[in-house]
Amino acid sequence: MPTPVVRTPAGLHTPVLDWFAEHARDLPWRAPQCPPWGVFLSEVMAQQTPLARVEPVWRAWMRRWPTPADLSADSPGEAVRAWDRLGYPRRALRLH
């Protein structure tokens, strides 16, 4: 039986980074100019939700509420309505 190749964590990062460089999806929250709010929002939206559904809703939220203060100034009902088809609308209420 051949001896399995065991990669140490130090030896694993280069192949993973190489794979990411070649296959990573171009997502707006990965852009250098994306604010921390946008990254956080993407993480909350992507919980148990396909990214194909997240991206258009994320873009709409960032246009409407570019900061947490903008979101909190609007009504909770608007946040839930804008959550649209992402599922688990409580996430919108908790963000609010």
N, C-alpha and C. Protein backbone atom coordinates (compact mmCIF):
# COMPACT_ATOMS: atom_id res chain seq x y z
N MET A 1 0.85 -1.17 0.00
CA MET A 1 0.00 0.00 0.00
C MET A 1 0.90 1.24 0.00
N PRO A 2 0.63 2.20 -0.90
CA PRO A 2 1.48 3.41 -0.94
C PRO A 2 1.27 4.26 0.30
N THR A 3 2.32 4.94 0.67
CA THR A 3 2.26 5.84 1.81
C THR A 3 1.51 7.10 1.40
N PRO A 4 0.46 7.49 2.14
CA PRO A 4 -0.28 8.70 1.77
C PRO A 4 0.58 9.95 1.97
N VAL A 5 0.33 10.92 1.11
CA VAL A 5 1.02 12.20 1.24
C VAL A 5 0.27 13.02 2.27
N VAL A 6 0.97 13.41 3.31
CA VAL A 6 0.38 14.22 4.36
C VAL A 6 0.93 15.62 4.22
N ARG A 7 0.04 16.56 4.03
CA ARG A 7 0.46 17.97 3.91
C ARG A 7 0.29 18.65 5.24
N THR A 8 1.31 19.32 5.65
CA THR A 8 1.22 20.11 6.86
C THR A 8 0.47 21.39 6.54
N PRO A 9 -0.08 22.06 7.51
CA PRO A 9 -0.76 23.33 7.22
C PRO A 9 0.13 24.30 6.46
N ALA A 10 1.41 24.34 6.77
CA ALA A 10 2.31 25.25 6.06
C ALA A 10 2.44 24.87 4.60
N GLY A 11 2.37 23.57 4.29
CA GLY A 11 2.47 23.12 2.91
C GLY A 11 1.16 23.13 2.16
N LEU A 12 0.09 23.40 2.83
CA LEU A 12 -1.23 23.39 2.22
C LEU A 12 -1.65 24.76 1.70
N HIS A 13 -1.15 25.83 2.27
CA HIS A 13 -1.66 27.15 1.91
C HIS A 13 -1.37 27.52 0.46
N THR A 14 -0.23 27.14 -0.08
CA THR A 14 0.09 27.51 -1.46
C THR A 14 -0.88 26.86 -2.45
N PRO A 15 -1.15 25.55 -2.37
CA PRO A 15 -2.13 24.98 -3.31
C PRO A 15 -3.53 25.59 -3.17
N VAL A 16 -3.92 25.89 -1.96
CA VAL A 16 -5.25 26.48 -1.75
C VAL A 16 -5.29 27.88 -2.36
N LEU A 17 -4.27 28.68 -2.12
CA LEU A 17 -4.24 30.03 -2.70
C LEU A 17 -4.16 29.98 -4.22
N ASP A 18 -3.42 29.03 -4.76
CA ASP A 18 -3.35 28.89 -6.21
C ASP A 18 -4.72 28.52 -6.79
N TRP A 19 -5.41 27.58 -6.13
CA TRP A 19 -6.74 27.20 -6.58
C TRP A 19 -7.68 28.39 -6.53
N PHE A 20 -7.64 29.15 -5.43
CA PHE A 20 -8.52 30.31 -5.27
C PHE A 20 -8.26 31.34 -6.36
N ALA A 21 -6.99 31.58 -6.66
CA ALA A 21 -6.65 32.57 -7.70
C ALA A 21 -7.23 32.18 -9.05
N GLU A 22 -7.32 30.89 -9.31
CA GLU A 22 -7.83 30.43 -10.59
C GLU A 22 -9.35 30.31 -10.63
N HIS A 23 -9.96 29.93 -9.51
CA HIS A 23 -11.38 29.56 -9.53
C HIS A 23 -12.31 30.48 -8.72
N ALA A 24 -11.80 31.45 -8.04
CA ALA A 24 -12.64 32.29 -7.17
C ALA A 24 -13.71 33.01 -7.98
N ARG A 25 -14.89 33.09 -7.41
CA ARG A 25 -15.97 33.84 -8.04
C ARG A 25 -15.72 35.33 -7.84
N ASP A 26 -16.12 36.10 -8.83
CA ASP A 26 -16.00 37.56 -8.74
C ASP A 26 -17.24 38.07 -8.00
N LEU A 27 -17.10 38.29 -6.71
CA LEU A 27 -18.22 38.73 -5.88
C LEU A 27 -17.98 40.16 -5.41
N PRO A 28 -19.02 40.98 -5.39
CA PRO A 28 -18.82 42.40 -5.08
C PRO A 28 -18.25 42.65 -3.68
N TRP A 29 -18.54 41.79 -2.73
CA TRP A 29 -18.04 42.02 -1.37
C TRP A 29 -16.58 41.62 -1.22
N ARG A 30 -15.98 41.07 -2.28
CA ARG A 30 -14.55 40.78 -2.28
C ARG A 30 -13.74 41.94 -2.85
N ALA A 31 -14.41 42.94 -3.38
CA ALA A 31 -13.71 44.09 -3.97
C ALA A 31 -13.01 44.88 -2.87
N PRO A 32 -11.82 45.40 -3.15
CA PRO A 32 -11.08 46.15 -2.13
C PRO A 32 -11.83 47.35 -1.58
N GLN A 33 -12.69 47.97 -2.38
CA GLN A 33 -13.42 49.15 -1.92
C GLN A 33 -14.68 48.82 -1.14
N CYS A 34 -15.01 47.55 -0.99
CA CYS A 34 -16.21 47.17 -0.24
C CYS A 34 -15.99 47.46 1.24
N PRO A 35 -16.90 48.20 1.85
CA PRO A 35 -16.74 48.52 3.28
C PRO A 35 -16.99 47.29 4.16
N PRO A 36 -16.52 47.32 5.39
CA PRO A 36 -16.77 46.21 6.31
C PRO A 36 -18.25 45.87 6.44
N TRP A 37 -19.11 46.88 6.41
CA TRP A 37 -20.56 46.64 6.48
C TRP A 37 -21.00 45.72 5.34
N GLY A 38 -20.50 45.94 4.14
CA GLY A 38 -20.86 45.11 3.00
C GLY A 38 -20.39 43.67 3.14
N VAL A 39 -19.20 43.49 3.68
CA VAL A 39 -18.68 42.15 3.91
C VAL A 39 -19.52 41.44 4.97
N PHE A 40 -19.80 42.14 6.06
CA PHE A 40 -20.62 41.56 7.13
C PHE A 40 -22.00 41.19 6.60
N LEU A 41 -22.61 42.09 5.85
CA LEU A 41 -23.93 41.85 5.28
C LEU A 41 -23.92 40.61 4.39
N SER A 42 -22.89 40.45 3.58
CA SER A 42 -22.80 39.27 2.72
C SER A 42 -22.72 37.99 3.54
N GLU A 43 -22.00 38.03 4.64
CA GLU A 43 -21.88 36.84 5.49
C GLU A 43 -23.24 36.45 6.09
N VAL A 44 -23.98 37.44 6.53
CA VAL A 44 -25.30 37.16 7.11
C VAL A 44 -26.25 36.65 6.03
N MET A 45 -26.24 37.29 4.87
CA MET A 45 -27.14 36.88 3.79
C MET A 45 -26.81 35.48 3.26
N ALA A 46 -25.54 35.13 3.25
CA ALA A 46 -25.12 33.86 2.65
C ALA A 46 -25.33 32.65 3.56
N GLN A 47 -25.77 32.87 4.77
CA GLN A 47 -26.03 31.74 5.66
C GLN A 47 -27.18 30.91 5.10
N GLN A 48 -26.89 29.69 4.71
CA GLN A 48 -27.89 28.75 4.19
C GLN A 48 -28.65 29.29 2.98
N THR A 49 -28.02 30.16 2.20
CA THR A 49 -28.67 30.74 1.03
C THR A 49 -27.69 30.72 -0.15
N PRO A 50 -28.11 30.23 -1.31
CA PRO A 50 -27.21 30.21 -2.47
C PRO A 50 -26.78 31.63 -2.87
N LEU A 51 -25.52 31.76 -3.24
CA LEU A 51 -25.00 33.08 -3.59
C LEU A 51 -25.67 33.67 -4.82
N ALA A 52 -26.21 32.83 -5.69
CA ALA A 52 -26.94 33.35 -6.85
C ALA A 52 -28.14 34.18 -6.42
N ARG A 53 -28.74 33.84 -5.30
CA ARG A 53 -29.87 34.64 -4.77
C ARG A 53 -29.38 35.78 -3.91
N VAL A 54 -28.22 35.62 -3.29
CA VAL A 54 -27.72 36.65 -2.38
C VAL A 54 -27.26 37.90 -3.13
N GLU A 55 -26.50 37.72 -4.19
CA GLU A 55 -25.85 38.87 -4.84
C GLU A 55 -26.81 39.99 -5.25
N PRO A 56 -27.94 39.72 -5.95
CA PRO A 56 -28.81 40.85 -6.32
C PRO A 56 -29.44 41.54 -5.11
N VAL A 57 -29.78 40.76 -4.09
CA VAL A 57 -30.37 41.36 -2.90
C VAL A 57 -29.30 42.17 -2.16
N TRP A 58 -28.08 41.65 -2.09
CA TRP A 58 -26.97 42.37 -1.45
C TRP A 58 -26.76 43.72 -2.14
N ARG A 59 -26.75 43.71 -3.47
CA ARG A 59 -26.55 44.97 -4.22
C ARG A 59 -27.66 45.97 -3.91
N ALA A 60 -28.90 45.49 -3.87
CA ALA A 60 -30.03 46.38 -3.57
C ALA A 60 -29.91 46.94 -2.16
N TRP A 61 -29.54 46.11 -1.19
CA TRP A 61 -29.36 46.58 0.19
C TRP A 61 -28.25 47.62 0.27
N MET A 62 -27.15 47.38 -0.40
CA MET A 62 -26.02 48.32 -0.32
C MET A 62 -26.36 49.66 -0.97
N ARG A 63 -27.21 49.63 -2.01
CA ARG A 63 -27.66 50.90 -2.60
C ARG A 63 -28.59 51.63 -1.63
N ARG A 64 -29.49 50.89 -1.03
CA ARG A 64 -30.51 51.50 -0.17
C ARG A 64 -29.96 51.85 1.21
N TRP A 65 -29.15 50.97 1.77
CA TRP A 65 -28.62 51.15 3.13
C TRP A 65 -27.10 50.94 3.13
N PRO A 66 -26.35 51.91 2.65
CA PRO A 66 -24.89 51.74 2.55
C PRO A 66 -24.17 51.69 3.89
N THR A 67 -24.86 52.02 4.97
CA THR A 67 -24.25 51.94 6.30
C THR A 67 -25.27 51.34 7.27
N PRO A 68 -24.81 50.81 8.40
CA PRO A 68 -25.76 50.31 9.40
C PRO A 68 -26.70 51.40 9.90
N ALA A 69 -26.21 52.63 9.98
CA ALA A 69 -27.06 53.74 10.43
C ALA A 69 -28.21 53.98 9.46
N ASP A 70 -27.93 53.85 8.17
CA ASP A 70 -29.00 54.02 7.17
C ASP A 70 -30.08 52.95 7.35
N LEU A 71 -29.66 51.72 7.60
CA LEU A 71 -30.62 50.65 7.83
C LEU A 71 -31.44 50.91 9.09
N SER A 72 -30.79 51.30 10.16
CA SER A 72 -31.52 51.50 11.41
C SER A 72 -32.48 52.69 11.36
N ALA A 73 -32.24 53.62 10.43
CA ALA A 73 -33.13 54.77 10.29
C ALA A 73 -34.43 54.40 9.57
N ASP A 74 -34.45 53.27 8.90
CA ASP A 74 -35.64 52.82 8.20
C ASP A 74 -36.43 51.86 9.11
N SER A 75 -37.61 51.47 8.68
CA SER A 75 -38.44 50.60 9.53
C SER A 75 -38.01 49.14 9.41
N PRO A 76 -38.24 48.37 10.46
CA PRO A 76 -37.93 46.93 10.39
C PRO A 76 -38.70 46.22 9.28
N GLY A 77 -39.93 46.67 9.04
CA GLY A 77 -40.73 46.07 7.97
C GLY A 77 -40.10 46.23 6.60
N GLU A 78 -39.48 47.38 6.37
CA GLU A 78 -38.80 47.60 5.10
C GLU A 78 -37.61 46.65 4.94
N ALA A 79 -36.91 46.42 6.04
CA ALA A 79 -35.77 45.49 5.99
C ALA A 79 -36.25 44.09 5.64
N VAL A 80 -37.34 43.67 6.25
CA VAL A 80 -37.87 42.33 5.97
C VAL A 80 -38.35 42.23 4.52
N ARG A 81 -39.04 43.27 4.04
CA ARG A 81 -39.50 43.26 2.64
C ARG A 81 -38.32 43.21 1.68
N ALA A 82 -37.28 43.96 1.96
CA ALA A 82 -36.11 43.99 1.09
C ALA A 82 -35.31 42.69 1.16
N TRP A 83 -35.50 41.93 2.23
CA TRP A 83 -34.81 40.64 2.38
C TRP A 83 -35.23 39.69 1.27
N ASP A 84 -36.45 39.88 0.79
CA ASP A 84 -36.99 39.20 -0.38
C ASP A 84 -36.99 37.69 -0.20
N ARG A 85 -36.35 36.94 -1.09
CA ARG A 85 -36.42 35.48 -1.11
C ARG A 85 -35.22 34.81 -0.45
N LEU A 86 -34.53 35.49 0.41
CA LEU A 86 -33.34 34.91 1.02
C LEU A 86 -33.68 33.88 2.10
N GLY A 87 -34.89 33.90 2.60
CA GLY A 87 -35.27 32.96 3.65
C GLY A 87 -34.83 33.45 5.02
N TYR A 88 -35.41 32.86 6.04
CA TYR A 88 -35.08 33.23 7.42
C TYR A 88 -35.11 34.75 7.62
N PRO A 89 -36.28 35.40 7.44
CA PRO A 89 -36.35 36.86 7.51
C PRO A 89 -35.97 37.42 8.87
N ARG A 90 -35.87 36.58 9.88
CA ARG A 90 -35.42 37.07 11.18
C ARG A 90 -34.01 37.65 11.10
N ARG A 91 -33.25 37.17 10.14
CA ARG A 91 -31.89 37.72 9.95
C ARG A 91 -31.99 39.22 9.63
N ALA A 92 -32.97 39.60 8.81
CA ALA A 92 -33.16 41.01 8.49
C ALA A 92 -33.52 41.80 9.73
N LEU A 93 -34.40 41.24 10.55
CA LEU A 93 -34.78 41.93 11.79
C LEU A 93 -33.58 42.08 12.73
N ARG A 94 -32.78 41.05 12.82
CA ARG A 94 -31.61 41.13 13.71
C ARG A 94 -30.59 42.13 13.18
N LEU A 95 -30.44 42.20 11.86
CA LEU A 95 -29.55 43.23 11.31
C LEU A 95 -30.08 44.62 11.63
N HIS A 96 -31.39 44.78 11.54
CA HIS A 96 -31.99 46.08 11.83
C HIS A 96 -31.73 46.46 13.27
